[in-house]
mmCIF file of all heavy atoms, coordinates in Angstrom:
data_MODEL
# 
_entry.id   MODEL 
# 
loop_
_atom_site.group_PDB 
_atom_site.id 
_atom_site.type_symbol 
_atom_site.label_atom_id 
_atom_site.label_alt_id 
_atom_site.label_comp_id 
_atom_site.label_asym_id 
_atom_site.label_entity_id 
_atom_site.label_seq_id 
_atom_site.pdbx_PDB_ins_code 
_atom_site.Cartn_x 
_atom_site.Cartn_y 
_atom_site.Cartn_z 
_atom_site.occupancy 
_atom_site.B_iso_or_equiv 
_atom_site.pdbx_formal_charge 
_atom_site.auth_seq_id 
_atom_site.auth_comp_id 
_atom_site.auth_asym_id 
_atom_site.auth_atom_id 
_atom_site.pdbx_PDB_model_num 
ATOM 1   N N   . ASP A 1 1  ? 8.819   6.110   18.220 1.00 0.00 ? 1  ASP A N   1 
ATOM 2   C CA  . ASP A 1 1  ? 8.008   5.564   17.131 1.00 0.00 ? 1  ASP A CA  1 
ATOM 3   C C   . ASP A 1 1  ? 8.244   4.065   16.981 1.00 0.00 ? 1  ASP A C   1 
ATOM 4   O O   . ASP A 1 1  ? 7.300   3.312   16.703 1.00 0.00 ? 1  ASP A O   1 
ATOM 5   C CB  . ASP A 1 1  ? 8.336   6.276   15.818 1.00 0.00 ? 1  ASP A CB  1 
ATOM 6   C CG  . ASP A 1 1  ? 7.487   5.773   14.653 1.00 0.00 ? 1  ASP A CG  1 
ATOM 7   O OD1 . ASP A 1 1  ? 6.263   5.979   14.689 1.00 0.00 ? 1  ASP A OD1 1 
ATOM 8   O OD2 . ASP A 1 1  ? 8.050   5.146   13.728 1.00 0.00 ? 1  ASP A OD2 1 
ATOM 9   N N   . ASP A 1 2  ? 9.487   3.613   17.160 1.00 0.00 ? 2  ASP A N   1 
ATOM 10  C CA  . ASP A 1 2  ? 9.773   2.177   17.098 1.00 0.00 ? 2  ASP A CA  1 
ATOM 11  C C   . ASP A 1 2  ? 8.961   1.426   18.155 1.00 0.00 ? 2  ASP A C   1 
ATOM 12  O O   . ASP A 1 2  ? 8.345   0.392   17.867 1.00 0.00 ? 2  ASP A O   1 
ATOM 13  C CB  . ASP A 1 2  ? 11.263  1.911   17.324 1.00 0.00 ? 2  ASP A CB  1 
ATOM 14  C CG  . ASP A 1 2  ? 12.137  2.338   16.158 1.00 0.00 ? 2  ASP A CG  1 
ATOM 15  O OD1 . ASP A 1 2  ? 11.705  2.187   15.006 1.00 0.00 ? 2  ASP A OD1 1 
ATOM 16  O OD2 . ASP A 1 2  ? 13.251  2.831   16.411 1.00 0.00 ? 2  ASP A OD2 1 
ATOM 17  N N   . ILE A 1 3  ? 8.976   1.922   19.380 1.00 0.00 ? 3  ILE A N   1 
ATOM 18  C CA  . ILE A 1 3  ? 8.248   1.261   20.461 1.00 0.00 ? 3  ILE A CA  1 
ATOM 19  C C   . ILE A 1 3  ? 6.753   1.288   20.186 1.00 0.00 ? 3  ILE A C   1 
ATOM 20  O O   . ILE A 1 3  ? 6.040   0.293   20.413 1.00 0.00 ? 3  ILE A O   1 
ATOM 21  C CB  . ILE A 1 3  ? 8.545   1.924   21.819 1.00 0.00 ? 3  ILE A CB  1 
ATOM 22  C CG1 . ILE A 1 3  ? 10.058  1.922   22.099 1.00 0.00 ? 3  ILE A CG1 1 
ATOM 23  C CG2 . ILE A 1 3  ? 7.787   1.226   22.929 1.00 0.00 ? 3  ILE A CG2 1 
ATOM 24  C CD1 . ILE A 1 3  ? 10.703  0.549   22.048 1.00 0.00 ? 3  ILE A CD1 1 
ATOM 25  N N   . ALA A 1 4  ? 6.261   2.410   19.676 1.00 0.00 ? 4  ALA A N   1 
ATOM 26  C CA  . ALA A 1 4  ? 4.842   2.516   19.355 1.00 0.00 ? 4  ALA A CA  1 
ATOM 27  C C   . ALA A 1 4  ? 4.438   1.495   18.294 1.00 0.00 ? 4  ALA A C   1 
ATOM 28  O O   . ALA A 1 4  ? 3.354   0.906   18.361 1.00 0.00 ? 4  ALA A O   1 
ATOM 29  C CB  . ALA A 1 4  ? 4.511   3.930   18.870 1.00 0.00 ? 4  ALA A CB  1 
ATOM 30  N N   . ARG A 1 5  ? 5.317   1.262   17.330 1.00 0.00 ? 5  ARG A N   1 
ATOM 31  C CA  . ARG A 1 5  ? 5.008   0.292   16.278 1.00 0.00 ? 5  ARG A CA  1 
ATOM 32  C C   . ARG A 1 5  ? 5.051   -1.142  16.807 1.00 0.00 ? 5  ARG A C   1 
ATOM 33  O O   . ARG A 1 5  ? 4.288   -2.004  16.349 1.00 0.00 ? 5  ARG A O   1 
ATOM 34  C CB  . ARG A 1 5  ? 5.961   0.467   15.100 1.00 0.00 ? 5  ARG A CB  1 
ATOM 35  C CG  . ARG A 1 5  ? 5.663   1.708   14.269 1.00 0.00 ? 5  ARG A CG  1 
ATOM 36  C CD  . ARG A 1 5  ? 6.699   1.964   13.203 1.00 0.00 ? 5  ARG A CD  1 
ATOM 37  N NE  . ARG A 1 5  ? 6.381   3.169   12.448 1.00 0.00 ? 5  ARG A NE  1 
ATOM 38  C CZ  . ARG A 1 5  ? 5.692   3.183   11.308 1.00 0.00 ? 5  ARG A CZ  1 
ATOM 39  N NH1 . ARG A 1 5  ? 5.262   2.035   10.794 1.00 0.00 ? 5  ARG A NH1 1 
ATOM 40  N NH2 . ARG A 1 5  ? 5.430   4.303   10.689 1.00 0.00 ? 5  ARG A NH2 1 
ATOM 41  N N   . ALA A 1 6  ? 5.932   -1.398  17.755 1.00 0.00 ? 6  ALA A N   1 
ATOM 42  C CA  . ALA A 1 6  ? 5.950   -2.720  18.390 1.00 0.00 ? 6  ALA A CA  1 
ATOM 43  C C   . ALA A 1 6  ? 4.654   -2.938  19.168 1.00 0.00 ? 6  ALA A C   1 
ATOM 44  O O   . ALA A 1 6  ? 4.037   -4.014  19.086 1.00 0.00 ? 6  ALA A O   1 
ATOM 45  C CB  . ALA A 1 6  ? 7.154   -2.852  19.309 1.00 0.00 ? 6  ALA A CB  1 
ATOM 46  N N   . LEU A 1 7  ? 4.214   -1.925  19.914 1.00 0.00 ? 7  LEU A N   1 
ATOM 47  C CA  . LEU A 1 7  ? 2.967   -2.039  20.658 1.00 0.00 ? 7  LEU A CA  1 
ATOM 48  C C   . LEU A 1 7  ? 1.788   -2.204  19.712 1.00 0.00 ? 7  LEU A C   1 
ATOM 49  O O   . LEU A 1 7  ? 0.862   -2.986  19.982 1.00 0.00 ? 7  LEU A O   1 
ATOM 50  C CB  . LEU A 1 7  ? 2.774   -0.799  21.537 1.00 0.00 ? 7  LEU A CB  1 
ATOM 51  C CG  . LEU A 1 7  ? 3.703   -0.690  22.743 1.00 0.00 ? 7  LEU A CG  1 
ATOM 52  C CD1 . LEU A 1 7  ? 3.639   0.717   23.351 1.00 0.00 ? 7  LEU A CD1 1 
ATOM 53  C CD2 . LEU A 1 7  ? 3.337   -1.731  23.795 1.00 0.00 ? 7  LEU A CD2 1 
ATOM 54  N N   . ASP A 1 8  ? 1.816   -1.494  18.615 1.00 0.00 ? 8  ASP A N   1 
ATOM 55  C CA  . ASP A 1 8  ? 0.750   -1.615  17.621 1.00 0.00 ? 8  ASP A CA  1 
ATOM 56  C C   . ASP A 1 8  ? 0.720   -3.022  17.027 1.00 0.00 ? 8  ASP A C   1 
ATOM 57  O O   . ASP A 1 8  ? -0.350  -3.596  16.821 1.00 0.00 ? 8  ASP A O   1 
ATOM 58  C CB  . ASP A 1 8  ? 0.967   -0.582  16.511 1.00 0.00 ? 8  ASP A CB  1 
ATOM 59  C CG  . ASP A 1 8  ? -0.018  -0.750  15.371 1.00 0.00 ? 8  ASP A CG  1 
ATOM 60  O OD1 . ASP A 1 8  ? -1.195  -0.403  15.567 1.00 0.00 ? 8  ASP A OD1 1 
ATOM 61  O OD2 . ASP A 1 8  ? 0.389   -1.248  14.295 1.00 0.00 ? 8  ASP A OD2 1 
ATOM 62  N N   . ALA A 1 9  ? 1.908   -3.592  16.766 1.00 0.00 ? 9  ALA A N   1 
ATOM 63  C CA  . ALA A 1 9  ? 1.963   -4.958  16.240 1.00 0.00 ? 9  ALA A CA  1 
ATOM 64  C C   . ALA A 1 9  ? 1.413   -5.950  17.255 1.00 0.00 ? 9  ALA A C   1 
ATOM 65  O O   . ALA A 1 9  ? 0.660   -6.868  16.905 1.00 0.00 ? 9  ALA A O   1 
ATOM 66  C CB  . ALA A 1 9  ? 3.402   -5.317  15.871 1.00 0.00 ? 9  ALA A CB  1 
ATOM 67  N N   . ALA A 1 10 ? 1.768   -5.766  18.534 1.00 0.00 ? 10 ALA A N   1 
ATOM 68  C CA  . ALA A 1 10 ? 1.252   -6.645  19.581 1.00 0.00 ? 10 ALA A CA  1 
ATOM 69  C C   . ALA A 1 10 ? -0.266  -6.550  19.665 1.00 0.00 ? 10 ALA A C   1 
ATOM 70  O O   . ALA A 1 10 ? -0.962  -7.566  19.800 1.00 0.00 ? 10 ALA A O   1 
ATOM 71  C CB  . ALA A 1 10 ? 1.888   -6.283  20.922 1.00 0.00 ? 10 ALA A CB  1 
ATOM 72  N N   . GLU A 1 11 ? -0.772  -5.335  19.569 1.00 0.00 ? 11 GLU A N   1 
ATOM 73  C CA  . GLU A 1 11 ? -2.218  -5.135  19.622 1.00 0.00 ? 11 GLU A CA  1 
ATOM 74  C C   . GLU A 1 11 ? -2.911  -5.767  18.422 1.00 0.00 ? 11 GLU A C   1 
ATOM 75  O O   . GLU A 1 11 ? -3.990  -6.358  18.540 1.00 0.00 ? 11 GLU A O   1 
ATOM 76  C CB  . GLU A 1 11 ? -2.529  -3.639  19.680 1.00 0.00 ? 11 GLU A CB  1 
ATOM 77  C CG  . GLU A 1 11 ? -4.005  -3.315  19.825 1.00 0.00 ? 11 GLU A CG  1 
ATOM 78  C CD  . GLU A 1 11 ? -4.255  -1.822  19.924 1.00 0.00 ? 11 GLU A CD  1 
ATOM 79  O OE1 . GLU A 1 11 ? -3.405  -1.049  19.464 1.00 0.00 ? 11 GLU A OE1 1 
ATOM 80  O OE2 . GLU A 1 11 ? -5.303  -1.437  20.474 1.00 0.00 ? 11 GLU A OE2 1 
ATOM 81  N N   . SER A 1 12 ? -2.285  -5.688  17.263 1.00 0.00 ? 12 SER A N   1 
ATOM 82  C CA  . SER A 1 12 ? -2.925  -6.165  16.028 1.00 0.00 ? 12 SER A CA  1 
ATOM 83  C C   . SER A 1 12 ? -3.133  -7.672  16.020 1.00 0.00 ? 12 SER A C   1 
ATOM 84  O O   . SER A 1 12 ? -4.006  -8.176  15.310 1.00 0.00 ? 12 SER A O   1 
ATOM 85  C CB  . SER A 1 12 ? -2.086  -5.753  14.804 1.00 0.00 ? 12 SER A CB  1 
ATOM 86  O OG  . SER A 1 12 ? -0.919  -6.547  14.682 1.00 0.00 ? 12 SER A OG  1 
ATOM 87  N N   . VAL A 1 13 ? -2.330  -8.411  16.807 1.00 0.00 ? 13 VAL A N   1 
ATOM 88  C CA  . VAL A 1 13 ? -2.468  -9.864  16.820 1.00 0.00 ? 13 VAL A CA  1 
ATOM 89  C C   . VAL A 1 13 ? -3.186  -10.358 18.074 1.00 0.00 ? 13 VAL A C   1 
ATOM 90  O O   . VAL A 1 13 ? -3.105  -11.538 18.426 1.00 0.00 ? 13 VAL A O   1 
ATOM 91  C CB  . VAL A 1 13 ? -1.093  -10.562 16.679 1.00 0.00 ? 13 VAL A CB  1 
ATOM 92  C CG1 . VAL A 1 13 ? -0.559  -10.387 15.274 1.00 0.00 ? 13 VAL A CG1 1 
ATOM 93  C CG2 . VAL A 1 13 ? -0.083  -10.044 17.696 1.00 0.00 ? 13 VAL A CG2 1 
ATOM 94  N N   . GLY A 1 14 ? -3.912  -9.465  18.750 1.00 0.00 ? 14 GLY A N   1 
ATOM 95  C CA  . GLY A 1 14 ? -4.760  -9.890  19.857 1.00 0.00 ? 14 GLY A CA  1 
ATOM 96  C C   . GLY A 1 14 ? -5.948  -10.678 19.330 1.00 0.00 ? 14 GLY A C   1 
ATOM 97  O O   . GLY A 1 14 ? -6.512  -10.359 18.271 1.00 0.00 ? 14 GLY A O   1 
ATOM 98  N N   . ASP A 1 15 ? -6.362  -11.699 20.056 1.00 0.00 ? 15 ASP A N   1 
ATOM 99  C CA  . ASP A 1 15 ? -7.468  -12.544 19.607 1.00 0.00 ? 15 ASP A CA  1 
ATOM 100 C C   . ASP A 1 15 ? -8.752  -11.749 19.392 1.00 0.00 ? 15 ASP A C   1 
ATOM 101 O O   . ASP A 1 15 ? -9.484  -11.980 18.418 1.00 0.00 ? 15 ASP A O   1 
ATOM 102 C CB  . ASP A 1 15 ? -7.739  -13.644 20.639 1.00 0.00 ? 15 ASP A CB  1 
ATOM 103 C CG  . ASP A 1 15 ? -6.665  -14.712 20.666 1.00 0.00 ? 15 ASP A CG  1 
ATOM 104 O OD1 . ASP A 1 15 ? -6.007  -14.912 19.636 1.00 0.00 ? 15 ASP A OD1 1 
ATOM 105 O OD2 . ASP A 1 15 ? -6.492  -15.353 21.716 1.00 0.00 ? 15 ASP A OD2 1 
ATOM 106 N N   . ASP A 1 16 ? -9.041  -10.820 20.304 1.00 0.00 ? 16 ASP A N   1 
ATOM 107 C CA  . ASP A 1 16 ? -10.284 -10.063 20.172 1.00 0.00 ? 16 ASP A CA  1 
ATOM 108 C C   . ASP A 1 16 ? -10.286 -9.199  18.925 1.00 0.00 ? 16 ASP A C   1 
ATOM 109 O O   . ASP A 1 16 ? -11.300 -9.112  18.211 1.00 0.00 ? 16 ASP A O   1 
ATOM 110 C CB  . ASP A 1 16 ? -10.533 -9.214  21.421 1.00 0.00 ? 16 ASP A CB  1 
ATOM 111 C CG  . ASP A 1 16 ? -9.375  -8.289  21.769 1.00 0.00 ? 16 ASP A CG  1 
ATOM 112 O OD1 . ASP A 1 16 ? -8.223  -8.539  21.328 1.00 0.00 ? 16 ASP A OD1 1 
ATOM 113 O OD2 . ASP A 1 16 ? -9.601  -7.298  22.504 1.00 0.00 ? 16 ASP A OD2 1 
ATOM 114 N N   . ARG A 1 17 ? -9.141  -8.600  18.621 1.00 0.00 ? 17 ARG A N   1 
ATOM 115 C CA  . ARG A 1 17 ? -9.078  -7.748  17.432 1.00 0.00 ? 17 ARG A CA  1 
ATOM 116 C C   . ARG A 1 17 ? -9.193  -8.589  16.165 1.00 0.00 ? 17 ARG A C   1 
ATOM 117 O O   . ARG A 1 17 ? -9.875  -8.186  15.214 1.00 0.00 ? 17 ARG A O   1 
ATOM 118 C CB  . ARG A 1 17 ? -7.776  -6.946  17.427 1.00 0.00 ? 17 ARG A CB  1 
ATOM 119 C CG  . ARG A 1 17 ? -7.607  -6.078  16.193 1.00 0.00 ? 17 ARG A CG  1 
ATOM 120 C CD  . ARG A 1 17 ? -6.586  -4.994  16.420 1.00 0.00 ? 17 ARG A CD  1 
ATOM 121 N NE  . ARG A 1 17 ? -6.134  -4.398  15.179 1.00 0.00 ? 17 ARG A NE  1 
ATOM 122 C CZ  . ARG A 1 17 ? -5.297  -3.374  15.098 1.00 0.00 ? 17 ARG A CZ  1 
ATOM 123 N NH1 . ARG A 1 17 ? -4.821  -2.831  16.213 1.00 0.00 ? 17 ARG A NH1 1 
ATOM 124 N NH2 . ARG A 1 17 ? -4.923  -2.892  13.941 1.00 0.00 ? 17 ARG A NH2 1 
ATOM 125 N N   . ILE A 1 18 ? -8.560  -9.750  16.135 1.00 0.00 ? 18 ILE A N   1 
ATOM 126 C CA  . ILE A 1 18 ? -8.660  -10.635 14.965 1.00 0.00 ? 18 ILE A CA  1 
ATOM 127 C C   . ILE A 1 18 ? -10.103 -11.069 14.768 1.00 0.00 ? 18 ILE A C   1 
ATOM 128 O O   . ILE A 1 18 ? -10.646 -11.015 13.654 1.00 0.00 ? 18 ILE A O   1 
ATOM 129 C CB  . ILE A 1 18 ? -7.743  -11.862 15.140 1.00 0.00 ? 18 ILE A CB  1 
ATOM 130 C CG1 . ILE A 1 18 ? -6.273  -11.451 15.078 1.00 0.00 ? 18 ILE A CG1 1 
ATOM 131 C CG2 . ILE A 1 18 ? -8.033  -12.914 14.062 1.00 0.00 ? 18 ILE A CG2 1 
ATOM 132 C CD1 . ILE A 1 18 ? -5.312  -12.567 15.425 1.00 0.00 ? 18 ILE A CD1 1 
ATOM 133 N N   . GLN A 1 19 ? -10.750 -11.490 15.846 1.00 0.00 ? 19 GLN A N   1 
ATOM 134 C CA  . GLN A 1 19 ? -12.129 -11.951 15.742 1.00 0.00 ? 19 GLN A CA  1 
ATOM 135 C C   . GLN A 1 19 ? -13.068 -10.833 15.307 1.00 0.00 ? 19 GLN A C   1 
ATOM 136 O O   . GLN A 1 19 ? -13.931 -11.032 14.434 1.00 0.00 ? 19 GLN A O   1 
ATOM 137 C CB  . GLN A 1 19 ? -12.582 -12.529 17.080 1.00 0.00 ? 19 GLN A CB  1 
ATOM 138 C CG  . GLN A 1 19 ? -11.950 -13.860 17.430 1.00 0.00 ? 19 GLN A CG  1 
ATOM 139 C CD  . GLN A 1 19 ? -12.423 -14.372 18.787 1.00 0.00 ? 19 GLN A CD  1 
ATOM 140 O OE1 . GLN A 1 19 ? -12.748 -13.592 19.675 1.00 0.00 ? 19 GLN A OE1 1 
ATOM 141 N NE2 . GLN A 1 19 ? -12.460 -15.684 18.934 1.00 0.00 ? 19 GLN A NE2 1 
ATOM 142 N N   . LYS A 1 20 ? -12.915 -9.662  15.929 1.00 0.00 ? 20 LYS A N   1 
ATOM 143 C CA  . LYS A 1 20 ? -13.821 -8.565  15.606 1.00 0.00 ? 20 LYS A CA  1 
ATOM 144 C C   . LYS A 1 20 ? -13.630 -8.091  14.175 1.00 0.00 ? 20 LYS A C   1 
ATOM 145 O O   . LYS A 1 20 ? -14.595 -7.745  13.491 1.00 0.00 ? 20 LYS A O   1 
ATOM 146 C CB  . LYS A 1 20 ? -13.606 -7.411  16.588 1.00 0.00 ? 20 LYS A CB  1 
ATOM 147 C CG  . LYS A 1 20 ? -14.718 -6.378  16.538 1.00 0.00 ? 20 LYS A CG  1 
ATOM 148 C CD  . LYS A 1 20 ? -14.709 -5.500  17.768 1.00 0.00 ? 20 LYS A CD  1 
ATOM 149 C CE  . LYS A 1 20 ? -15.919 -4.574  17.773 1.00 0.00 ? 20 LYS A CE  1 
ATOM 150 N NZ  . LYS A 1 20 ? -15.957 -3.739  18.996 1.00 0.00 ? 20 LYS A NZ  1 
ATOM 151 N N   . ARG A 1 21 ? -12.385 -8.101  13.717 1.00 0.00 ? 21 ARG A N   1 
ATOM 152 C CA  . ARG A 1 21 ? -12.111 -7.686  12.348 1.00 0.00 ? 21 ARG A CA  1 
ATOM 153 C C   . ARG A 1 21 ? -12.747 -8.662  11.355 1.00 0.00 ? 21 ARG A C   1 
ATOM 154 O O   . ARG A 1 21 ? -13.213 -8.270  10.291 1.00 0.00 ? 21 ARG A O   1 
ATOM 155 C CB  . ARG A 1 21 ? -10.596 -7.612  12.118 1.00 0.00 ? 21 ARG A CB  1 
ATOM 156 C CG  . ARG A 1 21 ? -10.178 -6.959  10.808 1.00 0.00 ? 21 ARG A CG  1 
ATOM 157 C CD  . ARG A 1 21 ? -8.655  -6.865  10.737 1.00 0.00 ? 21 ARG A CD  1 
ATOM 158 N NE  . ARG A 1 21 ? -8.211  -6.258  9.505  1.00 0.00 ? 21 ARG A NE  1 
ATOM 159 C CZ  . ARG A 1 21 ? -8.000  -4.967  9.338  1.00 0.00 ? 21 ARG A CZ  1 
ATOM 160 N NH1 . ARG A 1 21 ? -8.204  -4.137  10.345 1.00 0.00 ? 21 ARG A NH1 1 
ATOM 161 N NH2 . ARG A 1 21 ? -7.582  -4.492  8.174  1.00 0.00 ? 21 ARG A NH2 1 
ATOM 162 N N   . ALA A 1 22 ? -12.774 -9.943  11.722 1.00 0.00 ? 22 ALA A N   1 
ATOM 163 C CA  . ALA A 1 22 ? -13.289 -10.964 10.813 1.00 0.00 ? 22 ALA A CA  1 
ATOM 164 C C   . ALA A 1 22 ? -14.800 -11.143 10.903 1.00 0.00 ? 22 ALA A C   1 
ATOM 165 O O   . ALA A 1 22 ? -15.452 -11.412 9.885  1.00 0.00 ? 22 ALA A O   1 
ATOM 166 C CB  . ALA A 1 22 ? -12.599 -12.297 11.097 1.00 0.00 ? 22 ALA A CB  1 
ATOM 167 N N   . THR A 1 23 ? -15.374 -11.016 12.117 1.00 0.00 ? 23 THR A N   1 
ATOM 168 C CA  . THR A 1 23 ? -16.795 -11.343 12.301 1.00 0.00 ? 23 THR A CA  1 
ATOM 169 C C   . THR A 1 23 ? -17.612 -10.250 12.955 1.00 0.00 ? 23 THR A C   1 
ATOM 170 O O   . THR A 1 23 ? -18.837 -10.342 13.008 1.00 0.00 ? 23 THR A O   1 
ATOM 171 C CB  . THR A 1 23 ? -16.946 -12.611 13.169 1.00 0.00 ? 23 THR A CB  1 
ATOM 172 O OG1 . THR A 1 23 ? -16.534 -12.318 14.513 1.00 0.00 ? 23 THR A OG1 1 
ATOM 173 C CG2 . THR A 1 23 ? -16.114 -13.754 12.613 1.00 0.00 ? 23 THR A CG2 1 
ATOM 174 N N   . GLY A 1 24 ? -16.960 -9.241  13.504 1.00 0.00 ? 24 GLY A N   1 
ATOM 175 C CA  . GLY A 1 24 ? -17.686 -8.188  14.192 1.00 0.00 ? 24 GLY A CA  1 
ATOM 176 C C   . GLY A 1 24 ? -17.975 -8.483  15.644 1.00 0.00 ? 24 GLY A C   1 
ATOM 177 O O   . GLY A 1 24 ? -18.595 -7.664  16.338 1.00 0.00 ? 24 GLY A O   1 
ATOM 178 N N   . LYS A 1 25 ? -17.535 -9.630  16.149 1.00 0.00 ? 25 LYS A N   1 
ATOM 179 C CA  . LYS A 1 25 ? -17.758 -9.976  17.551 1.00 0.00 ? 25 LYS A CA  1 
ATOM 180 C C   . LYS A 1 25 ? -16.587 -10.791 18.075 1.00 0.00 ? 25 LYS A C   1 
ATOM 181 O O   . LYS A 1 25 ? -15.726 -11.233 17.306 1.00 0.00 ? 25 LYS A O   1 
ATOM 182 C CB  . LYS A 1 25 ? -19.054 -10.757 17.713 1.00 0.00 ? 25 LYS A CB  1 
ATOM 183 C CG  . LYS A 1 25 ? -19.122 -12.014 16.890 1.00 0.00 ? 25 LYS A CG  1 
ATOM 184 C CD  . LYS A 1 25 ? -20.496 -12.674 17.012 1.00 0.00 ? 25 LYS A CD  1 
ATOM 185 C CE  . LYS A 1 25 ? -20.583 -13.941 16.164 1.00 0.00 ? 25 LYS A CE  1 
ATOM 186 N NZ  . LYS A 1 25 ? -21.922 -14.569 16.266 1.00 0.00 ? 25 LYS A NZ  1 
ATOM 187 N N   . THR A 1 26 ? -16.539 -10.982 19.397 1.00 0.00 ? 26 THR A N   1 
ATOM 188 C CA  . THR A 1 26 ? -15.437 -11.734 19.998 1.00 0.00 ? 26 THR A CA  1 
ATOM 189 C C   . THR A 1 26 ? -15.987 -12.905 20.803 1.00 0.00 ? 26 THR A C   1 
ATOM 190 O O   . THR A 1 26 ? -17.116 -12.863 21.299 1.00 0.00 ? 26 THR A O   1 
ATOM 191 C CB  . THR A 1 26 ? -14.589 -10.843 20.926 1.00 0.00 ? 26 THR A CB  1 
ATOM 192 O OG1 . THR A 1 26 ? -15.395 -10.413 22.030 1.00 0.00 ? 26 THR A OG1 1 
ATOM 193 C CG2 . THR A 1 26 ? -14.040 -9.640  20.171 1.00 0.00 ? 26 THR A CG2 1 
# 
């Protein structure tokens, strides 16, 4: 679970995810 949460944190700060969350596109 610790490793999964680290991977989730890494994924959450990806540029595409940030952009899509904010504007719906990348």
